[in-house]
PDB file of N, CA and C in Angstrom:
ATOM      1  N   MET A   1     -11.709  -6.014  -2.605  1.00  0.00           N
ATOM      2  CA  MET A   1     -11.102  -4.681  -2.685  1.00  0.00           C
ATOM      3  C   MET A   1      -9.624  -4.866  -2.989  1.00  0.00           C
ATOM      4  N   LYS A   2      -9.156  -4.136  -3.931  1.00  0.00           N
ATOM      5  CA  LYS A   2      -7.733  -4.103  -4.245  1.00  0.00           C
ATOM      6  C   LYS A   2      -7.201  -2.750  -3.800  1.00  0.00           C
ATOM      7  N   GLY A   3      -5.907  -2.683  -3.537  1.00  0.00           N
ATOM      8  CA  GLY A   3      -5.337  -1.422  -3.087  1.00  0.00           C
ATOM      9  C   GLY A   3      -3.900  -1.257  -3.513  1.00  0.00           C
ATOM     10  N   VAL A   4      -3.403  -0.054  -3.325  1.00  0.00           N
ATOM     11  CA  VAL A   4      -2.009   0.274  -3.604  1.00  0.00           C
ATOM     12  C   VAL A   4      -1.418   0.900  -2.354  1.00  0.00           C
ATOM     13  N   PHE A   5      -0.312   0.355  -1.868  1.00  0.00           N
ATOM     14  CA  PHE A   5       0.451   0.965  -0.784  1.00  0.00           C
ATOM     15  C   PHE A   5       1.644   1.656  -1.428  1.00  0.00           C
ATOM     16  N   GLU A   6       1.789   2.945  -1.163  1.00  0.00           N
ATOM     17  CA  GLU A   6       2.915   3.686  -1.723  1.00  0.00           C
ATOM     18  C   GLU A   6       4.078   3.681  -0.743  1.00  0.00           C
ATOM     19  N   ILE A   7       5.259   3.426  -1.272  1.00  0.00           N
ATOM     20  CA  ILE A   7       6.471   3.358  -0.456  1.00  0.00           C
ATOM     21  C   ILE A   7       7.510   4.326  -1.000  1.00  0.00           C
ATOM     22  N   SER A   8       8.419   4.711  -0.123  1.00  0.00           N
ATOM     23  CA  SER A   8       9.499   5.624  -0.487  1.00  0.00           C
ATOM     24  C   SER A   8      10.738   5.236   0.290  1.00  0.00           C
ATOM     25  N   GLY A   9      11.866   5.324  -0.346  1.00  0.00           N
ATOM     26  CA  GLY A   9      13.122   5.019   0.336  1.00  0.00           C
ATOM     27  C   GLY A   9      13.440   5.994   1.448  1.00  0.00           C
ATOM     28  N   THR A  10      12.797   7.160   1.423  1.00  0.00           N
ATOM     29  CA  THR A  10      13.078   8.174   2.439  1.00  0.00           C
ATOM     30  C   THR A  10      11.931   8.305   3.444  1.00  0.00           C
ATOM     31  N   SER A  11      11.051   7.311   3.463  1.00  0.00           N
ATOM     32  CA  SER A  11       9.893   7.368   4.349  1.00  0.00           C
ATOM     33  C   SER A  11      10.319   7.375   5.812  1.00  0.00           C
ATOM     34  N   ARG A  12       9.550   8.071   6.636  1.00  0.00           N
ATOM     35  CA  ARG A  12       9.811   8.061   8.080  1.00  0.00           C
ATOM     36  C   ARG A  12       9.157   6.856   8.735  1.00  0.00           C
ATOM     37  N   TYR A  13       8.403   6.085   7.956  1.00  0.00           N
ATOM     38  CA  TYR A  13       7.702   4.930   8.479  1.00  0.00           C
ATOM     39  C   TYR A  13       8.588   3.684   8.462  1.00  0.00           C
ATOM     40  N   ASP A  14       8.194   2.704   9.249  1.00  0.00           N
ATOM     41  CA  ASP A  14       8.953   1.474   9.438  1.00  0.00           C
ATOM     42  C   ASP A  14       8.498   0.398   8.454  1.00  0.00           C
ATOM     43  N   ASP A  15       8.481   0.750   7.173  1.00  0.00           N
ATOM     44  CA  ASP A  15       8.067  -0.203   6.141  1.00  0.00           C
ATOM     45  C   ASP A  15       9.176  -1.206   5.866  1.00  0.00           C
ATOM     46  N   VAL A  16       8.799  -2.447   5.715  1.00  0.00           N
ATOM     47  CA  VAL A  16       9.676  -3.505   5.203  1.00  0.00           C
ATOM     48  C   VAL A  16       8.790  -4.251   4.222  1.00  0.00           C
ATOM     49  N   ILE A  17       8.911  -3.930   2.926  1.00  0.00           N
ATOM     50  CA  ILE A  17       7.898  -4.402   1.984  1.00  0.00           C
ATOM     51  C   ILE A  17       7.820  -5.918   1.880  1.00  0.00           C
ATOM     52  N   THR A  18       8.824  -6.631   2.306  1.00  0.00           N
ATOM     53  CA  THR A  18       8.726  -8.095   2.292  1.00  0.00           C
ATOM     54  C   THR A  18       7.914  -8.614   3.469  1.00  0.00           C
ATOM     55  N   GLU A  19       7.544  -7.710   4.401  1.00  0.00           N
ATOM     56  CA  GLU A  19       6.838  -8.136   5.604  1.00  0.00           C
ATOM     57  C   GLU A  19       5.636  -7.275   5.980  1.00  0.00           C
ATOM     58  N   ARG A  20       5.793  -5.931   5.910  1.00  0.00           N
ATOM     59  CA  ARG A  20       4.768  -5.071   6.500  1.00  0.00           C
ATOM     60  C   ARG A  20       4.781  -3.668   5.879  1.00  0.00           C
ATOM     61  N   TYR A  21       3.623  -3.016   6.033  1.00  0.00           N
ATOM     62  CA  TYR A  21       3.468  -1.620   5.616  1.00  0.00           C
ATOM     63  C   TYR A  21       3.069  -0.838   6.855  1.00  0.00           C
ATOM     64  N   HIS A  22       3.767   0.238   7.140  1.00  0.00           N
ATOM     65  CA  HIS A  22       3.578   1.046   8.348  1.00  0.00           C
ATOM     66  C   HIS A  22       2.826   2.314   7.945  1.00  0.00           C
ATOM     67  N   PHE A  23       1.768   2.642   8.676  1.00  0.00           N
ATOM     68  CA  PHE A  23       0.957   3.788   8.252  1.00  0.00           C
ATOM     69  C   PHE A  23       0.274   4.441   9.452  1.00  0.00           C
ATOM     70  N   PRO A  24      -0.140   5.714   9.303  1.00  0.00           N
ATOM     71  CA  PRO A  24      -0.825   6.438  10.388  1.00  0.00           C
ATOM     72  C   PRO A  24      -2.316   6.086  10.464  1.00  0.00           C
ATOM     73  N   ARG A  25      -2.895   6.385  11.611  1.00  0.00           N
ATOM     74  CA  ARG A  25      -4.302   6.082  11.913  1.00  0.00           C
ATOM     75  C   ARG A  25      -5.262   6.604  10.847  1.00  0.00           C
ATOM     76  N   ILE A  26      -4.962   7.716  10.227  1.00  0.00           N
ATOM     77  CA  ILE A  26      -5.875   8.299   9.238  1.00  0.00           C
ATOM     78  C   ILE A  26      -6.233   7.309   8.125  1.00  0.00           C
ATOM     79  N   TYR A  27      -5.365   6.335   7.856  1.00  0.00           N
ATOM     80  CA  TYR A  27      -5.600   5.352   6.791  1.00  0.00           C
ATOM     81  C   TYR A  27      -6.095   4.009   7.321  1.00  0.00           C
ATOM     82  N   LEU A  28      -6.369   3.899   8.610  1.00  0.00           N
ATOM     83  CA  LEU A  28      -6.731   2.616   9.207  1.00  0.00           C
ATOM     84  C   LEU A  28      -7.983   2.012   8.576  1.00  0.00           C
ATOM     85  N   ARG A  29      -9.064   2.777   8.455  1.00  0.00           N
ATOM     86  CA  ARG A  29     -10.317   2.226   7.913  1.00  0.00           C
ATOM     87  C   ARG A  29     -10.139   1.753   6.477  1.00  0.00           C
ATOM     88  N   ILE A  30      -9.357   2.466   5.701  1.00  0.00           N
ATOM     89  CA  ILE A  30      -9.108   2.050   4.318  1.00  0.00           C
ATOM     90  C   ILE A  30      -8.283   0.769   4.311  1.00  0.00           C
ATOM     91  N   ALA A  31      -7.214   0.727   5.073  1.00  0.00           N
ATOM     92  CA  ALA A  31      -6.340  -0.451   5.098  1.00  0.00           C
ATOM     93  C   ALA A  31      -7.083  -1.681   5.609  1.00  0.00           C
ATOM     94  N   GLU A  32      -7.995  -1.500   6.544  1.00  0.00           N
ATOM     95  CA  GLU A  32      -8.758  -2.640   7.066  1.00  0.00           C
ATOM     96  C   GLU A  32      -9.587  -3.314   5.967  1.00  0.00           C
ATOM     97  N   ARG A  33      -9.998  -2.560   4.979  1.00  0.00           N
ATOM     98  CA  ARG A  33     -10.772  -3.136   3.868  1.00  0.00           C
ATOM     99  C   ARG A  33      -9.919  -4.048   2.996  1.00  0.00           C
ATOM    100  N   PHE A  34      -8.596  -3.931   3.090  1.00  0.00           N
ATOM    101  CA  PHE A  34      -7.695  -4.754   2.275  1.00  0.00           C
ATOM    102  C   PHE A  34      -7.394  -6.108   2.905  1.00  0.00           C
ATOM    103  N   VAL A  35      -7.728  -6.307   4.170  1.00  0.00           N
ATOM    104  CA  VAL A  35      -7.394  -7.567   4.845  1.00  0.00           C
ATOM    105  C   VAL A  35      -8.014  -8.731   4.077  1.00  0.00           C
ATOM    106  N   GLY A  36      -7.177  -9.717   3.780  1.00  0.00           N
ATOM    107  CA  GLY A  36      -7.602 -10.879   3.011  1.00  0.00           C
ATOM    108  C   GLY A  36      -7.543 -10.681   1.515  1.00  0.00           C
ATOM    109  N   ASP A  37      -7.088  -9.517   1.072  1.00  0.00           N
ATOM    110  CA  ASP A  37      -7.046  -9.227  -0.358  1.00  0.00           C
ATOM    111  C   ASP A  37      -5.642  -8.787  -0.766  1.00  0.00           C
ATOM    112  N   TRP A  38      -5.487  -8.571  -2.054  1.00  0.00           N
ATOM    113  CA  TRP A  38      -4.186  -8.223  -2.633  1.00  0.00           C
ATOM    114  C   TRP A  38      -3.989  -6.710  -2.709  1.00  0.00           C
ATOM    115  N   VAL A  39      -2.749  -6.294  -2.530  1.00  0.00           N
ATOM    116  CA  VAL A  39      -2.350  -4.904  -2.739  1.00  0.00           C
ATOM    117  C   VAL A  39      -1.101  -4.885  -3.621  1.00  0.00           C
ATOM    118  N   LEU A  40      -0.930  -3.782  -4.290  1.00  0.00           N
ATOM    119  CA  LEU A  40       0.287  -3.523  -5.039  1.00  0.00           C
ATOM    120  C   LEU A  40       1.130  -2.552  -4.238  1.00  0.00           C
ATOM    121  N   TYR A  41       2.439  -2.706  -4.284  1.00  0.00           N
ATOM    122  CA  TYR A  41       3.337  -1.705  -3.730  1.00  0.00           C
ATOM    123  C   TYR A  41       3.806  -0.844  -4.893  1.00  0.00           C
ATOM    124  N   ARG A  42       3.681   0.459  -4.720  1.00  0.00           N
ATOM    125  CA  ARG A  42       4.142   1.403  -5.738  1.00  0.00           C
ATOM    126  C   ARG A  42       5.226   2.262  -5.130  1.00  0.00           C
ATOM    127  N   GLU A  43       6.371   2.266  -5.783  1.00  0.00           N
ATOM    128  CA  GLU A  43       7.481   3.113  -5.335  1.00  0.00           C
ATOM    129  C   GLU A  43       7.248   4.517  -5.873  1.00  0.00           C
ATOM    130  N   THR A  44       7.286   5.492  -4.978  1.00  0.00           N
ATOM    131  CA  THR A  44       7.051   6.877  -5.404  1.00  0.00           C
ATOM    132  C   THR A  44       8.277   7.420  -6.148  1.00  0.00           C
ATOM    133  N   GLY A  45       8.111   8.576  -6.738  1.00  0.00           N
ATOM    134  CA  GLY A  45       9.206   9.205  -7.461  1.00  0.00           C
ATOM    135  C   GLY A  45      10.101  10.061  -6.581  1.00  0.00           C
ATOM    136  N   SER A  46       9.754  10.171  -5.296  1.00  0.00           N
ATOM    137  CA  SER A  46      10.574  11.015  -4.423  1.00  0.00           C
ATOM    138  C   SER A  46      11.968  10.420  -4.248  1.00  0.00           C
ATOM    139  N   ASP A  47      12.929  11.287  -4.171  1.00  0.00           N
ATOM    140  CA  ASP A  47      14.325  10.894  -3.985  1.00  0.00           C
ATOM    141  C   ASP A  47      14.825   9.929  -5.052  1.00  0.00           C
ATOM    142  N   GLY A  48      14.393  10.130  -6.294  1.00  0.00           N
ATOM    143  CA  GLY A  48      14.875   9.308  -7.397  1.00  0.00           C
ATOM    144  C   GLY A  48      14.190   7.965  -7.533  1.00  0.00           C
ATOM    145  N   GLY A  49      13.045   7.775  -6.857  1.00  0.00           N
ATOM    146  CA  GLY A  49      12.311   6.517  -6.968  1.00  0.00           C
ATOM    147  C   GLY A  49      11.853   6.246  -8.391  1.00  0.00           C
ATOM    148  N   ARG A  50      11.502   5.011  -8.656  1.00  0.00           N
ATOM    149  CA  ARG A  50      11.188   4.576 -10.017  1.00  0.00           C
ATOM    150  C   ARG A  50       9.772   4.897 -10.490  1.00  0.00           C
ATOM    151  N   LYS A  51       8.887   5.343  -9.597  1.00  0.00           N
ATOM    152  CA  LYS A  51       7.482   5.549  -9.970  1.00  0.00           C
ATOM    153  C   LYS A  51       6.948   4.291 -10.646  1.00  0.00           C
ATOM    154  N   ALA A  52       7.115   3.162  -9.976  1.00  0.00           N
ATOM    155  CA  ALA A  52       6.748   1.885 -10.572  1.00  0.00           C
ATOM    156  C   ALA A  52       6.125   0.967  -9.534  1.00  0.00           C
ATOM    157  N   TYR A  53       5.326   0.040 -10.015  1.00  0.00           N
ATOM    158  CA  TYR A  53       4.813  -1.015  -9.147  1.00  0.00           C
ATOM    159  C   TYR A  53       5.959  -2.000  -8.945  1.00  0.00           C
ATOM    160  N   VAL A  54       6.261  -2.310  -7.703  1.00  0.00           N
ATOM    161  CA  VAL A  54       7.459  -3.112  -7.428  1.00  0.00           C
ATOM    162  C   VAL A  54       7.175  -4.433  -6.723  1.00  0.00           C
ATOM    163  N   ALA A  55       5.968  -4.645  -6.219  1.00  0.00           N
ATOM    164  CA  ALA A  55       5.662  -5.880  -5.508  1.00  0.00           C
ATOM    165  C   ALA A  55       4.161  -6.069  -5.369  1.00  0.00           C
ATOM    166  N   VAL A  56       3.783  -7.306  -5.102  1.00  0.00           N
ATOM    167  CA  VAL A  56       2.406  -7.684  -4.840  1.00  0.00           C
ATOM    168  C   VAL A  56       2.384  -8.408  -3.501  1.00  0.00           C
ATOM    169  N   ALA A  57       1.376  -8.124  -2.683  1.00  0.00           N
ATOM    170  CA  ALA A  57       1.282  -8.796  -1.385  1.00  0.00           C
ATOM    171  C   ALA A  57      -0.181  -8.998  -1.019  1.00  0.00           C
ATOM    172  N   ARG A  58      -0.416  -9.954  -0.163  1.00  0.00           N
ATOM    173  CA  ARG A  58      -1.758 -10.188   0.377  1.00  0.00           C
ATOM    174  C   ARG A  58      -1.758  -9.687   1.818  1.00  0.00           C
ATOM    175  N   VAL A  59      -2.695  -8.816   2.157  1.00  0.00           N
ATOM    176  CA  VAL A  59      -2.768  -8.264   3.509  1.00  0.00           C
ATOM    177  C   VAL A  59      -3.391  -9.320   4.423  1.00  0.00           C
ATOM    178  N   GLU A  60      -2.620  -9.778   5.395  1.00  0.00           N
ATOM    179  CA  GLU A  60      -3.096 -10.819   6.313  1.00  0.00           C
ATOM    180  C   GLU A  60      -3.858 -10.243   7.494  1.00  0.00           C
ATOM    181  N   ARG A  61      -3.390  -9.108   8.015  1.00  0.00           N
ATOM    182  CA  ARG A  61      -4.027  -8.513   9.193  1.00  0.00           C
ATOM    183  C   ARG A  61      -3.467  -7.107   9.396  1.00  0.00           C
ATOM    184  N   ILE A  62      -4.134  -6.354  10.269  1.00  0.00           N
ATOM    185  CA  ILE A  62      -3.655  -5.034  10.681  1.00  0.00           C
ATOM    186  C   ILE A  62      -3.318  -5.126  12.165  1.00  0.00           C
ATOM    187  N   ASP A  63      -2.116  -4.686  12.529  1.00  0.00           N
ATOM    188  CA  ASP A  63      -1.665  -4.711  13.923  1.00  0.00           C
ATOM    189  C   ASP A  63      -1.339  -3.291  14.379  1.00  0.00           C
ATOM    190  N   PRO A  64      -1.660  -2.960  15.632  1.00  0.00           N
ATOM    191  CA  PRO A  64      -1.241  -1.654  16.149  1.00  0.00           C
ATOM    192  C   PRO A  64       0.273  -1.633  16.349  1.00  0.00           C
ATOM    193  N   ASP A  65       0.849  -0.471  16.242  1.00  0.00           N
ATOM    194  CA  ASP A  65       2.268  -0.282  16.530  1.00  0.00           C
ATOM    195  C   ASP A  65       2.400  -0.146  18.048  1.00  0.00           C
ATOM    196  N   ALA A  66       3.081  -1.085  18.681  1.00  0.00           N
ATOM    197  CA  ALA A  66       3.193  -1.096  20.146  1.00  0.00           C
ATOM    198  C   ALA A  66       3.932   0.126  20.688  1.00  0.00           C
ATOM    199  N   SER A  67       4.750   0.768  19.855  1.00  0.00           N
ATOM    200  CA  SER A  67       5.516   1.915  20.334  1.00  0.00           C
ATOM    201  C   SER A  67       4.863   3.260  20.040  1.00  0.00           C
ATOM    202  N   ASP A  68       3.778   3.275  19.249  1.00  0.00           N
ATOM    203  CA  ASP A  68       3.113   4.530  18.899  1.00  0.00           C
ATOM    204  C   ASP A  68       1.645   4.239  18.585  1.00  0.00           C
ATOM    205  N   ALA A  69       0.753   4.651  19.441  1.00  0.00           N
ATOM    206  CA  ALA A  69      -0.672   4.349  19.290  1.00  0.00           C
ATOM    207  C   ALA A  69      -1.304   5.003  18.066  1.00  0.00           C
ATOM    208  N   SER A  70      -0.611   5.947  17.435  1.00  0.00           N
ATOM    209  CA  SER A  70      -1.165   6.603  16.255  1.00  0.00           C
ATOM    210  C   SER A  70      -0.783   5.903  14.951  1.00  0.00           C
ATOM    211  N   LEU A  71      -0.015   4.815  15.060  1.00  0.00           N
ATOM    212  CA  LEU A  71       0.469   4.107  13.869  1.00  0.00           C
ATOM    213  C   LEU A  71       0.048   2.642  13.887  1.00  0.00           C
ATOM    214  N   PHE A  72       0.041   2.042  12.682  1.00  0.00           N
ATOM    215  CA  PHE A  72      -0.367   0.648  12.509  1.00  0.00           C
ATOM    216  C   PHE A  72       0.533  -0.033  11.487  1.00  0.00           C
ATOM    217  N   TYR A  73       0.487  -1.361  11.520  1.00  0.00           N
ATOM    218  CA  TYR A  73       1.196  -2.177  10.534  1.00  0.00           C
ATOM    219  C   TYR A  73       0.187  -3.027   9.776  1.00  0.00           C
ATOM    220  N   ALA A  74       0.310  -3.071   8.476  1.00  0.00           N
ATOM    221  CA  ALA A  74      -0.419  -4.041   7.671  1.00  0.00           C
ATOM    222  C   ALA A  74       0.558  -5.188   7.438  1.00  0.00           C
ATOM    223  N   ALA A  75       0.241  -6.358   7.986  1.00  0.00           N
ATOM    224  CA  ALA A  75       1.095  -7.529   7.794  1.00  0.00           C
ATOM    225  C   ALA A  75       0.785  -8.089   6.414  1.00  0.00           C
ATOM    226  N   CYS A  76       1.762  -7.993   5.520  1.00  0.00           N
ATOM    227  CA  CYS A  76       1.520  -8.414   4.145  1.00  0.00           C
ATOM    228  C   CYS A  76       2.804  -8.916   3.503  1.00  0.00           C
ATOM    229  N   PRO A  77       3.146 -10.168   3.764  1.00  0.00           N
ATOM    230  CA  PRO A  77       4.337 -10.733   3.138  1.00  0.00           C
ATOM    231  C   PRO A  77       4.211 -10.721   1.617  1.00  0.00           C
ATOM    232  N   ILE A  78       5.313 -10.499   0.945  1.00  0.00           N
ATOM    233  CA  ILE A  78       5.340 -10.452  -0.515  1.00  0.00           C
ATOM    234  C   ILE A  78       5.010 -11.823  -1.084  1.00  0.00           C
ATOM    235  N   SER A  79       4.230 -11.831  -2.140  1.00  0.00           N
ATOM    236  CA  SER A  79       3.874 -13.065  -2.827  1.00  0.00           C
ATOM    237  C   SER A  79       4.734 -13.244  -4.062  1.00  0.00           C
ATOM    238  N   SER A  80       4.998 -14.487  -4.395  1.00  0.00           N
ATOM    239  CA  SER A  80       5.731 -14.756  -5.632  1.00  0.00           C
ATOM    240  C   SER A  80       4.787 -14.764  -6.831  1.00  0.00           C
ATOM    241  N   LYS A  81       3.480 -14.714  -6.567  1.00  0.00           N
ATOM    242  CA  LYS A  81       2.504 -14.693  -7.653  1.00  0.00           C
ATOM    243  C   LYS A  81       2.406 -13.293  -8.238  1.00  0.00           C
ATOM    244  N   SER A  82       2.186 -13.221  -9.504  1.00  0.00           N
ATOM    245  CA  SER A  82       2.021 -11.927 -10.158  1.00  0.00           C
ATOM    246  C   SER A  82       0.541 -11.693 -10.395  1.00  0.00           C
ATOM    247  N   ILE A  83      -0.115 -11.091  -9.447  1.00  0.00           N
ATOM    248  CA  ILE A  83      -1.550 -10.822  -9.536  1.00  0.00           C
ATOM    249  C   ILE A  83      -1.730  -9.323  -9.765  1.00  0.00           C
ATOM    250  N   MET A  84      -2.405  -8.968 -10.810  1.00  0.00           N
ATOM    251  CA  MET A  84      -2.658  -7.562 -11.090  1.00  0.00           C
ATOM    252  C   MET A  84      -4.161  -7.374 -11.224  1.00  0.00           C
ATOM    253  N   PRO A  85      -4.682  -6.226 -10.799  1.00  0.00           N
ATOM    254  CA  PRO A  85      -6.110  -5.982 -10.998  1.00  0.00           C
ATOM    255  C   PRO A  85      -6.420  -5.853 -12.487  1.00  0.00           C
ATOM    256  N   SER A  86      -7.603  -6.275 -12.864  1.00  0.00           N
ATOM    257  CA  SER A  86      -7.986  -6.130 -14.264  1.00  0.00           C
ATOM    258  C   SER A  86      -8.261  -4.655 -14.550  1.00  0.00           C
ATOM    259  N   PRO A  87      -8.210  -4.248 -15.805  1.00  0.00           N
ATOM    260  CA  PRO A  87      -8.448  -2.829 -16.136  1.00  0.00           C
ATOM    261  C   PRO A  87      -9.829  -2.322 -15.740  1.00  0.00           C
ATOM    262  N   THR A  88     -10.781  -3.219 -15.483  1.00  0.00           N
ATOM    263  CA  THR A  88     -12.126  -2.784 -15.119  1.00  0.00           C
ATOM    264  C   THR A  88     -12.313  -2.668 -13.619  1.00  0.00           C
ATOM    265  N   GLU A  89     -11.348  -3.124 -12.823  1.00  0.00           N
ATOM    266  CA  GLU A  89     -11.457  -3.032 -11.378  1.00  0.00           C
ATOM    267  C   GLU A  89     -11.022  -1.655 -10.893  1.00  0.00           C
ATOM    268  N   THR A  90     -11.370  -1.364  -9.650  1.00  0.00           N
ATOM    269  CA  THR A  90     -10.983  -0.117  -9.013  1.00  0.00           C
ATOM    270  C   THR A  90      -9.993  -0.418  -7.911  1.00  0.00           C
ATOM    271  N   VAL A  91      -8.956   0.398  -7.801  1.00  0.00           N
ATOM    272  CA  VAL A  91      -7.991   0.254  -6.717  1.00  0.00           C
ATOM    273  C   VAL A  91      -8.083   1.479  -5.823  1.00  0.00           C
ATOM    274  N   THR A  92      -7.691   1.327  -4.571  1.00  0.00           N
ATOM    275  CA  THR A  92      -7.667   2.434  -3.628  1.00  0.00           C
ATOM    276  C   THR A  92      -6.230   2.688  -3.239  1.00  0.00           C
ATOM    277  N   VAL A  93      -5.779   3.910  -3.386  1.00  0.00           N
ATOM    278  CA  VAL A  93      -4.398   4.277  -3.080  1.00  0.00           C
ATOM    279  C   VAL A  93      -4.311   4.720  -1.625  1.00  0.00           C
ATOM    280  N   VAL A  94      -3.342   4.151  -0.889  1.00  0.00           N
ATOM    281  CA  VAL A  94      -3.068   4.531   0.491  1.00  0.00           C
ATOM    282  C   VAL A  94      -1.650   5.060   0.536  1.00  0.00           C
ATOM    283  N   SER A  95      -1.508   6.338   0.823  1.00  0.00           N
ATOM    284  CA  SER A  95      -0.193   6.942   0.831  1.00  0.00           C
ATOM    285  C   SER A  95      -0.174   8.132   1.771  1.00  0.00           C
ATOM    286  N   PRO A  96       0.803   8.178   2.683  1.00  0.00           N
ATOM    287  CA  PRO A  96       0.920   9.348   3.530  1.00  0.00           C
ATOM    288  C   PRO A  96       1.244  10.620   2.740  1.00  0.00           C
ATOM    289  N   SER A  97       1.697  10.454   1.485  1.00  0.00           N
ATOM    290  CA  SER A  97       2.131  11.625   0.725  1.00  0.00           C
ATOM    291  C   SER A  97       1.079  12.164  -0.235  1.00  0.00           C
ATOM    292  N   VAL A  98      -0.010  11.427  -0.480  1.00  0.00           N
ATOM    293  CA  VAL A  98      -1.054  11.914  -1.388  1.00  0.00           C
ATOM    294  C   VAL A  98      -2.421  11.650  -0.784  1.00  0.00           C
ATOM    295  N   SER A  99      -3.430  12.280  -1.329  1.00  0.00           N
ATOM    296  CA  SER A  99      -4.788  12.032  -0.876  1.00  0.00           C
ATOM    297  C   SER A  99      -5.216  10.635  -1.279  1.00  0.00           C
ATOM    298  N   CYS A 100      -5.990   9.990  -0.415  1.00  0.00           N
ATOM    299  CA  CYS A 100      -6.530   8.674  -0.747  1.00  0.00           C
ATOM    300  C   CYS A 100      -7.681   8.859  -1.711  1.00  0.00           C
ATOM    301  N   GLY A 101      -7.900   7.856  -2.511  1.00  0.00           N
ATOM    302  CA  GLY A 101      -9.046   7.905  -3.399  1.00  0.00           C
ATOM    303  C   GLY A 101      -9.150   6.639  -4.197  1.00  0.00           C
ATOM    304  N   ASN A 102     -10.264   6.464  -4.866  1.00  0.00           N
ATOM    305  CA  ASN A 102     -10.483   5.315  -5.732  1.00  0.00           C
ATOM    306  C   ASN A 102     -10.178   5.721  -7.163  1.00  0.00           C
ATOM    307  N   TYR A 103      -9.462   4.863  -7.861  1.00  0.00           N
ATOM    308  CA  TYR A 103      -9.046   5.146  -9.224  1.00  0.00           C
ATOM    309  C   TYR A 103      -9.218   3.901 -10.073  1.00  0.00           C
ATOM    310  N   PRO A 104      -9.451   4.061 -11.387  1.00  0.00           N
ATOM    311  CA  PRO A 104      -9.432   2.887 -12.266  1.00  0.00           C
ATOM    312  C   PRO A 104      -8.075   2.204 -12.137  1.00  0.00           C
ATOM    313  N   ALA A 105      -8.022   0.912 -12.400  1.00  0.00           N
ATOM    314  CA  ALA A 105      -6.802   0.132 -12.194  1.00  0.00           C
ATOM    315  C   ALA A 105      -5.703   0.426 -13.193  1.00  0.00           C
ATOM    316  N   SER A 106      -5.918   1.358 -14.084  1.00  0.00           N
ATOM    317  CA  SER A 106      -4.874   1.748 -15.025  1.00  0.00           C
ATOM    318  C   SER A 106      -3.688   2.336 -14.283  1.00  0.00           C
ATOM    319  N   PRO A 107      -2.457   1.827 -14.520  1.00  0.00           N
ATOM    320  CA  PRO A 107      -1.288   2.349 -13.804  1.00  0.00           C
ATOM    321  C   PRO A 107      -1.102   3.856 -13.957  1.00  0.00           C
ATOM    322  N   SER A 108      -1.509   4.424 -15.083  1.00  0.00           N
ATOM    323  CA  SER A 108      -1.321   5.855 -15.262  1.00  0.00           C
ATOM    324  C   SER A 108      -2.227   6.677 -14.352  1.00  0.00           C
ATOM    325  N   ARG A 109      -3.354   6.125 -13.892  1.00  0.00           N
ATOM    326  CA  ARG A 109      -4.260   6.855 -13.023  1.00  0.00           C
ATOM    327  C   ARG A 109      -3.998   6.575 -11.551  1.00  0.00           C
ATOM    328  N   ALA A 110      -3.495   5.373 -11.221  1.00  0.00           N
ATOM    329  CA  ALA A 110      -3.326   5.015  -9.811  1.00  0.00           C
ATOM    330  C   ALA A 110      -2.289   5.881  -9.120  1.00  0.00           C
ATOM    331  N   ALA A 111      -1.424   6.522  -9.865  1.00  0.00           N
ATOM    332  CA  ALA A 111      -0.365   7.344  -9.275  1.00  0.00           C
ATOM    333  C   ALA A 111      -0.884   8.696  -8.825  1.00  0.00           C
ATOM    334  N   ARG A 112      -2.057   9.103  -9.224  1.00  0.00           N
ATOM    335  CA  ARG A 112      -2.563  10.437  -8.911  1.00  0.00           C
ATOM    336  C   ARG A 112      -3.197  10.523  -7.567  1.00  0.00           C
TER     337      ARG A 112
END
């Protein structure tokens, strides 16, 4: 399973893309499917963001947020490898700002 984690400079979450992705419980089952696999980080267009894929990471594990039981961390250090899904694969978008869903790996569709 491949996935996309959406990030924003104005997010209320405790994201540090070189280390972790912070997300609410509603996305837990989806994020758990990414453990051991690659995800793309996509910067949203909010607040002048680039609307671009900005990093690749491998999800190592999901940890609960010790300070808030409704939140979780995906431990996913950034990789120096440039791994992209092939155009025939499907990616799953995880974003607090949009509905989750499966989309073809085309960058123009993954943003929707």
